[in-house]
Amino acid sequence: MERFKKIYQQGIVDVVEIWVDTQTGVNYVFHRNGNAAGFTPLLDKDGKPIVSQ
Protein backbone atom coordinates (compact mmCIF):
# COMPACT_ATOMS: atom_id res chain seq x y z
CA MET A 1 0.00 0.00 0.00
CA GLU A 2 1.27 3.45 -0.87
CA ARG A 3 1.71 6.02 1.91
CA PHE A 4 0.06 8.93 0.02
CA LYS A 5 -3.07 8.84 -2.14
CA LYS A 6 -4.08 11.69 -4.47
CA ILE A 7 -7.77 12.51 -4.03
CA TYR A 8 -8.08 15.75 -6.06
CA GLN A 9 -6.32 17.41 -8.99
CA GLN A 10 -6.94 20.69 -10.80
CA GLY A 11 -4.99 22.41 -13.58
CA ILE A 12 -2.26 21.50 -16.07
CA VAL A 13 0.45 24.17 -15.81
CA ASP A 14 -0.74 25.72 -12.53
CA VAL A 15 -1.49 22.48 -10.65
CA VAL A 16 -3.25 22.10 -7.29
CA GLU A 17 -3.61 18.62 -5.76
CA ILE A 18 -4.91 17.25 -2.46
CA TRP A 19 -3.11 14.19 -1.05
CA VAL A 20 -4.01 12.06 1.98
CA ASP A 21 -1.48 10.25 4.16
CA THR A 22 -2.99 6.75 4.34
CA GLN A 23 -1.38 6.06 7.73
CA THR A 24 -2.36 9.24 9.60
CA GLY A 25 -5.30 10.58 7.53
CA VAL A 26 -3.71 14.05 7.36
CA ASN A 27 -4.58 15.98 4.16
CA TYR A 28 -1.87 17.85 2.26
CA VAL A 29 -2.06 20.43 -0.51
CA PHE A 30 0.46 20.32 -3.35
CA HIS A 31 0.86 23.32 -5.66
CA ARG A 32 3.09 23.46 -8.74
CA ASN A 33 3.56 26.34 -11.13
CA GLY A 34 6.30 25.82 -13.71
CA ASN A 35 9.48 24.75 -11.91
CA ALA A 36 8.32 25.83 -8.44
CA ALA A 37 6.33 23.53 -6.14
CA GLY A 38 5.25 23.13 -2.53
CA PHE A 39 3.71 20.40 -0.36
CA THR A 40 2.18 21.37 3.01
CA PRO A 41 -0.52 20.17 5.42
CA LEU A 42 -4.02 21.42 4.63
CA LEU A 43 -5.28 23.39 7.64
CA ASP A 44 -8.75 24.30 8.85
CA LYS A 45 -9.82 27.78 10.02
CA ASP A 46 -8.29 27.14 13.47
CA GLY A 47 -4.89 26.15 12.05
CA LYS A 48 -5.32 22.43 12.77
CA PRO A 49 -4.57 19.79 10.08
CA ILE A 50 -7.56 18.39 8.24
CA VAL A 51 -7.76 14.64 8.89
CA SER A 52 -9.77 12.16 6.80
CA GLN A 53 -11.25 9.00 8.26
C-alpha atoms as a PDB file:
ATOM      1  CA  MET A   1       0.000   0.000   0.000  1.00  0.00           C
ATOM      2  CA  GLU A   2       1.269   3.454  -0.869  1.00  0.00           C
ATOM      3  CA  ARG A   3       1.707   6.020   1.909  1.00  0.00           C
ATOM      4  CA  PHE A   4       0.062   8.925   0.019  1.00  0.00           C
ATOM      5  CA  LYS A   5      -3.074   8.844  -2.143  1.00  0.00           C
ATOM      6  CA  LYS A   6      -4.079  11.687  -4.474  1.00  0.00           C
ATOM      7  CA  ILE A   7      -7.769  12.508  -4.029  1.00  0.00           C
ATOM      8  CA  TYR A   8      -8.085  15.750  -6.058  1.00  0.00           C
ATOM      9  CA  GLN A   9      -6.316  17.412  -8.991  1.00  0.00           C
ATOM     10  CA  GLN A  10      -6.936  20.694 -10.804  1.00  0.00           C
ATOM     11  CA  GLY A  11      -4.987  22.406 -13.583  1.00  0.00           C
ATOM     12  CA  ILE A  12      -2.263  21.502 -16.073  1.00  0.00           C
ATOM     13  CA  VAL A  13       0.453  24.170 -15.814  1.00  0.00           C
ATOM     14  CA  ASP A  14      -0.737  25.717 -12.534  1.00  0.00           C
ATOM     15  CA  VAL A  15      -1.495  22.482 -10.647  1.00  0.00           C
ATOM     16  CA  VAL A  16      -3.253  22.097  -7.288  1.00  0.00           C
ATOM     17  CA  GLU A  17      -3.611  18.621  -5.760  1.00  0.00           C
ATOM     18  CA  ILE A  18      -4.913  17.246  -2.464  1.00  0.00           C
ATOM     19  CA  TRP A  19      -3.109  14.193  -1.047  1.00  0.00           C
ATOM     20  CA  VAL A  20      -4.009  12.060   1.982  1.00  0.00           C
ATOM     21  CA  ASP A  21      -1.482  10.251   4.158  1.00  0.00           C
ATOM     22  CA  THR A  22      -2.993   6.752   4.338  1.00  0.00           C
ATOM     23  CA  GLN A  23      -1.380   6.061   7.728  1.00  0.00           C
ATOM     24  CA  THR A  24      -2.364   9.239   9.598  1.00  0.00           C
ATOM     25  CA  GLY A  25      -5.296  10.575   7.527  1.00  0.00           C
ATOM     26  CA  VAL A  26      -3.710  14.055   7.356  1.00  0.00           C
ATOM     27  CA  ASN A  27      -4.580  15.976   4.162  1.00  0.00           C
ATOM     28  CA  TYR A  28      -1.866  17.846   2.256  1.00  0.00           C
ATOM     29  CA  VAL A  29      -2.061  20.431  -0.510  1.00  0.00           C
ATOM     30  CA  PHE A  30       0.459  20.322  -3.354  1.00  0.00           C
ATOM     31  CA  HIS A  31       0.865  23.324  -5.664  1.00  0.00           C
ATOM     32  CA  ARG A  32       3.086  23.456  -8.744  1.00  0.00           C
ATOM     33  CA  ASN A  33       3.555  26.344 -11.135  1.00  0.00           C
ATOM     34  CA  GLY A  34       6.305  25.824 -13.706  1.00  0.00           C
ATOM     35  CA  ASN A  35       9.485  24.746 -11.910  1.00  0.00           C
ATOM     36  CA  ALA A  36       8.318  25.828  -8.439  1.00  0.00           C
ATOM     37  CA  ALA A  37       6.327  23.525  -6.139  1.00  0.00           C
ATOM     38  CA  GLY A  38       5.246  23.127  -2.535  1.00  0.00           C
ATOM     39  CA  PHE A  39       3.709  20.404  -0.358  1.00  0.00           C
ATOM     40  CA  THR A  40       2.184  21.368   3.009  1.00  0.00           C
ATOM     41  CA  PRO A  41      -0.523  20.173   5.424  1.00  0.00           C
ATOM     42  CA  LEU A  42      -4.019  21.419   4.627  1.00  0.00           C
ATOM     43  CA  LEU A  43      -5.277  23.392   7.639  1.00  0.00           C
ATOM     44  CA  ASP A  44      -8.746  24.299   8.854  1.00  0.00           C
ATOM     45  CA  LYS A  45      -9.816  27.783  10.019  1.00  0.00           C
ATOM     46  CA  ASP A  46      -8.293  27.137  13.470  1.00  0.00           C
ATOM     47  CA  GLY A  47      -4.891  26.152  12.048  1.00  0.00           C
ATOM     48  CA  LYS A  48      -5.315  22.431  12.765  1.00  0.00           C
ATOM     49  CA  PRO A  49      -4.573  19.794  10.079  1.00  0.00           C
ATOM     50  CA  ILE A  50      -7.559  18.391   8.235  1.00  0.00           C
ATOM     51  CA  VAL A  51      -7.760  14.644   8.893  1.00  0.00           C
ATOM     52  CA  SER A  52      -9.772  12.164   6.797  1.00  0.00           C
ATOM     53  CA  GLN A  53     -11.248   8.999   8.265  1.00  0.00           C
END
